[in-house]
């Protein structure tokens, strides 16, 4: 990988994580360990390209610029994926009173690329563009269940399983057991793992080559009258319809793999 591109990506990521507060040049140097001259050149170029701007209350702090929003908007407006998901997912969210999400896997995390809140759903804190550890979410677990074994093992090795959510997985063995269930059933469930009050049901989306490219989910506050498996099957059936629209050739994707590792 080109070293300058890697440094640029790292700087954009750090500034993005700082949100509205932003980072100064000295803070970027401190956090990256890069030479001040390199940081200055990269930040100057990003600023000229409108990928960075300055904090309106502190012109010494850099924040993400409008060009990053424009690029992100172009990505999430991919009609093939997002529009197809909307067609099948939104009616389910409305009928069940849930918040719907689309997310993609990025290393060991998932990134939310779309969110829709039904009129009678409670507000979910996850925002478009935010990320979570994949193993703490139904979206992430459903994607981890269908990537290749080499990639799965590499990701699992990154996890320390110290996330302090409510009922979050605390070991590799727990994660593998849930992955096995997802491979059998075609859906994953987040039972108050990432947020103590919420339950989420997720399933993967496949492309024409049979690769998992995204995941969909529905989420809301835990309810006593909900059959978790029934909701899981609803999101799974939605996911396979979307996958077929995208060219996925198989009748189903679940109950095909052996229990792993």
Protein backbone atom coordinates (compact mmCIF):
# COMPACT_ATOMS: atom_id res chain seq x y z
CA UNK A 1 0.00 0.00 0.00
CA UNK A 2 1.19 3.50 -0.80
CA UNK A 3 2.48 5.00 2.45
CA UNK A 4 1.09 8.50 1.85
CA UNK A 5 -2.37 7.11 1.15
CA UNK A 6 -2.21 5.03 4.34
CA UNK A 7 -1.21 8.11 6.38
CA UNK A 8 -3.97 10.17 4.79
CA UNK A 9 -6.56 7.52 5.59
CA UNK A 10 -5.34 7.33 9.18
CA UNK A 11 -5.59 11.11 9.63
CA UNK A 12 -9.10 11.26 8.16
CA UNK A 13 -10.16 8.44 10.46
CA UNK A 14 -8.82 10.14 13.58
CA UNK A 15 -10.45 13.46 12.70
CA UNK A 16 -13.72 11.68 11.92
CA UNK A 17 -13.68 10.00 15.34
CA UNK A 18 -13.17 13.39 17.01
CA UNK A 19 -16.55 14.47 15.55
CA UNK A 20 -17.45 18.17 16.01
CA UNK A 21 -14.52 18.88 18.35
CA UNK A 22 -11.83 18.30 15.73
CA UNK A 23 -8.08 17.90 16.13
CA UNK A 24 -5.21 20.36 15.93
CA UNK A 25 -2.02 19.67 13.98
CA UNK A 26 -0.13 18.96 17.19
CA UNK A 27 -2.84 16.51 18.33
CA UNK A 28 -2.69 14.70 14.99
CA UNK A 29 1.10 14.46 15.24
CA UNK A 30 0.81 13.12 18.78
CA UNK A 31 -1.82 10.51 17.95
CA UNK A 32 -0.26 9.29 14.70
CA UNK A 33 3.41 9.55 15.59
CA UNK A 34 4.04 10.98 12.12
CA UNK A 35 6.53 13.78 11.44
CA UNK A 36 5.02 17.24 11.77
CA UNK A 37 6.05 18.12 8.21
CA UNK A 38 4.21 15.09 6.80
CA UNK A 39 1.08 15.86 8.79
CA UNK A 40 1.16 19.50 7.70
CA UNK A 41 1.44 18.57 3.99
CA UNK A 42 -1.37 16.01 4.17
CA UNK A 43 -3.72 18.24 6.18
CA UNK A 44 -3.04 21.19 3.87
CA UNK A 45 -3.92 19.09 0.81
CA UNK A 46 -7.06 17.68 2.42
CA UNK A 47 -8.14 21.19 3.39
CA UNK A 48 -7.66 22.46 -0.17
CA UNK A 49 -9.77 19.55 -1.45
CA UNK A 50 -12.55 20.38 1.06
CA UNK A 51 -12.06 16.98 2.67
CA UNK A 52 -11.19 18.91 5.83
CA UNK A 53 -12.40 22.23 7.20
CA UNK A 54 -11.79 24.12 10.43
CA UNK A 55 -13.99 24.07 13.50
CA UNK A 56 -16.25 27.14 13.35
CA UNK A 57 -15.45 27.93 17.00
CA UNK A 58 -11.70 27.16 16.88
CA UNK A 59 -9.79 27.64 13.64
CA UNK A 60 -6.86 25.63 15.04
CA UNK A 61 -8.96 22.45 15.01
CA UNK A 62 -9.66 20.45 11.85
CA UNK A 63 -12.93 18.62 11.23
CA UNK A 64 -14.21 16.62 8.27
CA UNK A 65 -15.14 18.78 5.30
CA UNK A 66 -18.17 18.82 3.02
CA UNK A 67 -16.41 16.72 0.37
CA UNK A 68 -16.34 13.72 2.72
CA UNK A 69 -20.12 14.00 3.10
CA UNK A 70 -20.52 14.19 -0.67
CA UNK A 71 -18.45 11.05 -1.15
CA UNK A 72 -20.35 9.22 1.56
CA UNK A 73 -23.67 10.26 0.09
CA UNK A 74 -22.68 8.90 -3.32
CA UNK A 75 -21.77 5.59 -1.71
CA UNK A 76 -25.02 5.23 0.25
CA UNK A 77 -27.06 6.17 -2.79
CA UNK A 78 -25.99 2.99 -4.59
CA UNK A 79 -29.36 2.16 -6.14
CA UNK A 80 -28.56 -1.51 -6.61
CA UNK A 81 -28.08 -2.21 -2.92
CA UNK A 82 -29.80 0.47 -0.84
CA UNK A 83 -32.89 0.92 -3.03
CA UNK A 84 -33.45 -2.83 -3.22
CA UNK A 85 -33.15 -3.12 0.56
CA UNK A 86 -35.58 -0.24 1.01
CA UNK A 87 -38.14 -1.94 -1.23
CA UNK A 88 -38.35 -5.04 0.97
CA UNK A 89 -37.15 -3.85 4.37
CA UNK A 90 -39.15 -0.67 4.97
CA UNK A 91 -42.62 -2.31 4.79
CA UNK A 92 -41.47 -4.79 7.44
CA UNK A 93 -40.19 -2.00 9.69
CA UNK A 94 -43.49 -0.15 9.33
CA UNK A 95 -45.60 -3.26 9.99
CA UNK A 96 -43.64 -4.30 13.09
CA UNK A 97 -42.89 -0.81 14.40
CA UNK A 98 -39.13 -1.22 14.20
CA UNK A 99 -36.05 0.76 13.18
CA UNK A 100 -34.36 -0.73 10.12
CA UNK A 101 -30.64 -0.65 9.32
CA UNK A 102 -28.27 -1.55 6.52
CA UNK A 103 -24.62 -2.09 7.42
CA UNK A 104 -21.38 -3.34 5.93
CA UNK A 105 -18.39 -5.11 7.42
CA UNK A 106 -15.16 -3.12 7.80
CA UNK A 107 -12.50 -5.31 9.35
CA UNK A 108 -13.81 -6.34 12.77
CA UNK A 109 -16.46 -3.58 12.81
CA UNK A 110 -19.72 -2.89 11.07
CA UNK A 111 -20.52 0.53 9.63
CA UNK A 112 -24.12 1.72 9.37
CA UNK A 113 -24.84 3.00 5.86
CA UNK A 114 -28.63 3.43 6.10
CA UNK A 115 -31.26 3.88 8.81
CA UNK A 116 -35.05 4.09 8.71
CA UNK A 117 -37.28 4.61 11.74
CA UNK A 118 -40.89 3.52 11.51
CA UNK A 119 -43.44 5.99 12.80
CA UNK A 120 -44.18 4.05 15.99
CA UNK A 121 -40.64 2.77 16.63
CA UNK A 122 -38.52 4.02 19.51
CA UNK A 123 -35.43 6.01 18.62
CA UNK A 124 -32.25 3.97 18.11
CA UNK A 125 -28.98 5.66 18.99
CA UNK A 126 -26.98 4.21 16.08
CA UNK A 127 -26.29 6.85 13.43
CA UNK A 128 -25.43 6.46 9.76
CA UNK A 129 -21.65 6.45 9.48
CA UNK A 130 -21.12 5.17 13.02
CA UNK A 131 -19.57 1.78 13.72
CA UNK A 132 -19.64 -0.97 16.33
CA UNK A 133 -17.69 -4.12 17.02
CA UNK A 134 -19.27 -6.69 14.73
CA UNK A 135 -19.63 -9.39 17.37
CA UNK A 136 -21.80 -7.11 19.54
CA UNK A 137 -24.51 -6.67 16.89
CA UNK A 138 -26.94 -8.87 14.97
CA UNK A 139 -25.81 -7.19 11.76
CA UNK A 140 -22.17 -7.99 12.45
CA UNK A 141 -22.72 -11.55 13.64
CA UNK A 142 -24.78 -12.34 10.54
CA UNK A 143 -21.95 -11.10 8.31
CA UNK A 144 -19.22 -12.86 10.28
CA UNK A 145 -21.18 -16.09 9.87
CA UNK A 146 -20.83 -16.13 6.10
CA UNK A 147 -17.39 -14.72 5.30
CA UNK A 148 -14.62 -17.18 4.47
CA UNK A 149 -12.94 -19.03 7.32
CA UNK A 150 -9.56 -17.33 6.87
CA UNK A 151 -11.08 -13.85 7.15
CA UNK A 152 -13.24 -14.92 10.08
CA UNK A 153 -10.28 -16.31 12.02
CA UNK A 154 -8.24 -13.16 11.35
CA UNK A 155 -11.05 -10.95 12.66
CA UNK A 156 -11.69 -13.07 15.75
CA UNK A 157 -8.01 -12.85 16.65
CA UNK A 158 -8.40 -9.07 16.88
CA UNK A 159 -11.12 -9.24 19.52
CA UNK A 160 -10.39 -8.96 23.22
CA UNK A 161 -14.06 -9.50 24.14
CA UNK A 162 -13.97 -6.75 26.75
CA UNK A 163 -16.91 -4.69 25.46
CA UNK A 164 -19.01 -3.79 28.50
CA UNK A 165 -22.47 -3.99 26.92
CA UNK A 166 -25.33 -5.70 28.72
CA UNK A 167 -25.36 -9.34 27.57
CA UNK A 168 -22.45 -9.10 25.15
CA UNK A 169 -20.44 -12.14 24.09
CA UNK A 170 -17.41 -12.55 26.35
CA UNK A 171 -15.37 -15.23 24.59
CA UNK A 172 -14.40 -16.70 21.24
CA UNK A 173 -16.34 -19.86 22.11
CA UNK A 174 -19.57 -17.91 22.68
CA UNK A 175 -19.13 -16.12 19.37
CA UNK A 176 -18.49 -19.33 17.45
CA UNK A 177 -21.59 -20.90 18.99
CA UNK A 178 -23.73 -17.98 17.82
CA UNK A 179 -22.12 -18.09 14.37
CA UNK A 180 -23.01 -21.78 14.16
CA UNK A 181 -26.62 -20.93 15.02
CA UNK A 182 -26.69 -18.20 12.38
CA UNK A 183 -25.32 -20.57 9.75
CA UNK A 184 -28.06 -23.01 10.64
CA UNK A 185 -30.94 -20.54 10.88
CA UNK A 186 -29.91 -17.72 8.52
CA UNK A 187 -30.25 -14.90 11.06
CA UNK A 188 -28.52 -13.51 14.14
CA UNK A 189 -30.05 -11.95 17.23
CA UNK A 190 -28.64 -9.22 19.46
CA UNK A 191 -30.40 -9.78 22.80
CA UNK A 192 -29.59 -6.55 24.64
CA UNK A 193 -25.90 -6.93 23.82
CA UNK A 194 -24.89 -3.61 22.30
CA UNK A 195 -27.61 -1.62 24.06
CA UNK A 196 -29.07 -2.94 27.29
CA UNK A 197 -32.68 -2.08 26.37
CA UNK A 198 -32.74 -3.16 22.72
CA UNK A 199 -33.16 -6.35 20.72
CA UNK A 200 -32.04 -6.59 17.10
CA UNK A 201 -32.51 -9.20 14.36
CA UNK A 202 -30.05 -9.28 11.43
CA UNK A 203 -29.42 -11.26 8.26
CA UNK A 204 -26.80 -11.04 5.47
CA UNK A 205 -27.24 -9.88 1.88
CA UNK A 206 -25.42 -11.78 -0.90
CA UNK A 207 -24.39 -10.69 -4.39
CA UNK A 208 -24.48 -12.65 -7.64
CA UNK A 209 -21.12 -14.23 -6.83
CA UNK A 210 -22.44 -15.60 -3.54
CA UNK A 211 -20.44 -13.17 -1.38
CA UNK A 212 -21.98 -11.45 1.67
CA UNK A 213 -21.82 -7.73 0.89
CA UNK A 214 -24.04 -6.16 3.56
CA UNK A 215 -26.59 -6.99 6.23
CA UNK A 216 -30.04 -5.75 7.17
CA UNK A 217 -31.69 -5.60 10.57
CA UNK A 218 -34.74 -4.50 12.49
CA UNK A 219 -34.45 -3.27 16.06
CA UNK A 220 -36.53 -1.93 18.91
CA UNK A 221 -36.91 -2.05 22.69
CA UNK A 222 -37.20 -5.52 24.18
CA UNK A 223 -40.82 -6.69 24.27
CA UNK A 224 -42.19 -9.59 26.30
CA UNK A 225 -44.69 -10.58 23.60
CA UNK A 226 -42.15 -11.03 20.77
CA UNK A 227 -41.18 -14.45 19.41
CA UNK A 228 -37.48 -13.90 18.67
CA UNK A 229 -37.24 -16.77 16.20
CA UNK A 230 -40.28 -15.51 14.30
CA UNK A 231 -38.72 -12.05 13.93
CA UNK A 232 -35.43 -13.67 12.92
CA UNK A 233 -37.17 -15.63 10.17
CA UNK A 234 -38.90 -12.48 8.94
CA UNK A 235 -35.59 -10.64 8.51
CA UNK A 236 -33.98 -13.75 6.98
CA UNK A 237 -36.77 -14.10 4.40
CA UNK A 238 -36.41 -10.42 3.60
CA UNK A 239 -32.65 -10.83 3.16
CA UNK A 240 -32.98 -13.72 0.70
CA UNK A 241 -35.48 -11.75 -1.41
CA UNK A 242 -33.05 -8.84 -1.59
CA UNK A 243 -30.18 -11.19 -2.42
CA UNK A 244 -32.19 -12.74 -5.27
CA UNK A 245 -32.87 -9.27 -6.65
CA UNK A 246 -29.10 -8.68 -6.64
CA UNK A 247 -28.50 -11.89 -8.57
CA UNK A 248 -27.82 -14.42 -5.81
CA UNK A 249 -28.51 -17.76 -7.51
CA UNK A 250 -29.17 -20.10 -4.56
CA UNK A 251 -32.59 -20.83 -3.08
CA UNK A 252 -31.25 -20.22 0.42
CA UNK A 253 -27.95 -19.53 2.14
CA UNK A 254 -28.58 -21.02 5.58
CA UNK A 255 -28.20 -24.62 6.85
CA UNK A 256 -25.47 -25.34 4.30
CA UNK A 257 -22.23 -25.01 6.22
CA UNK A 258 -20.98 -27.36 8.88
CA UNK A 259 -20.41 -26.04 12.36
CA UNK A 260 -16.98 -24.45 12.19
CA UNK A 261 -13.52 -24.58 13.65
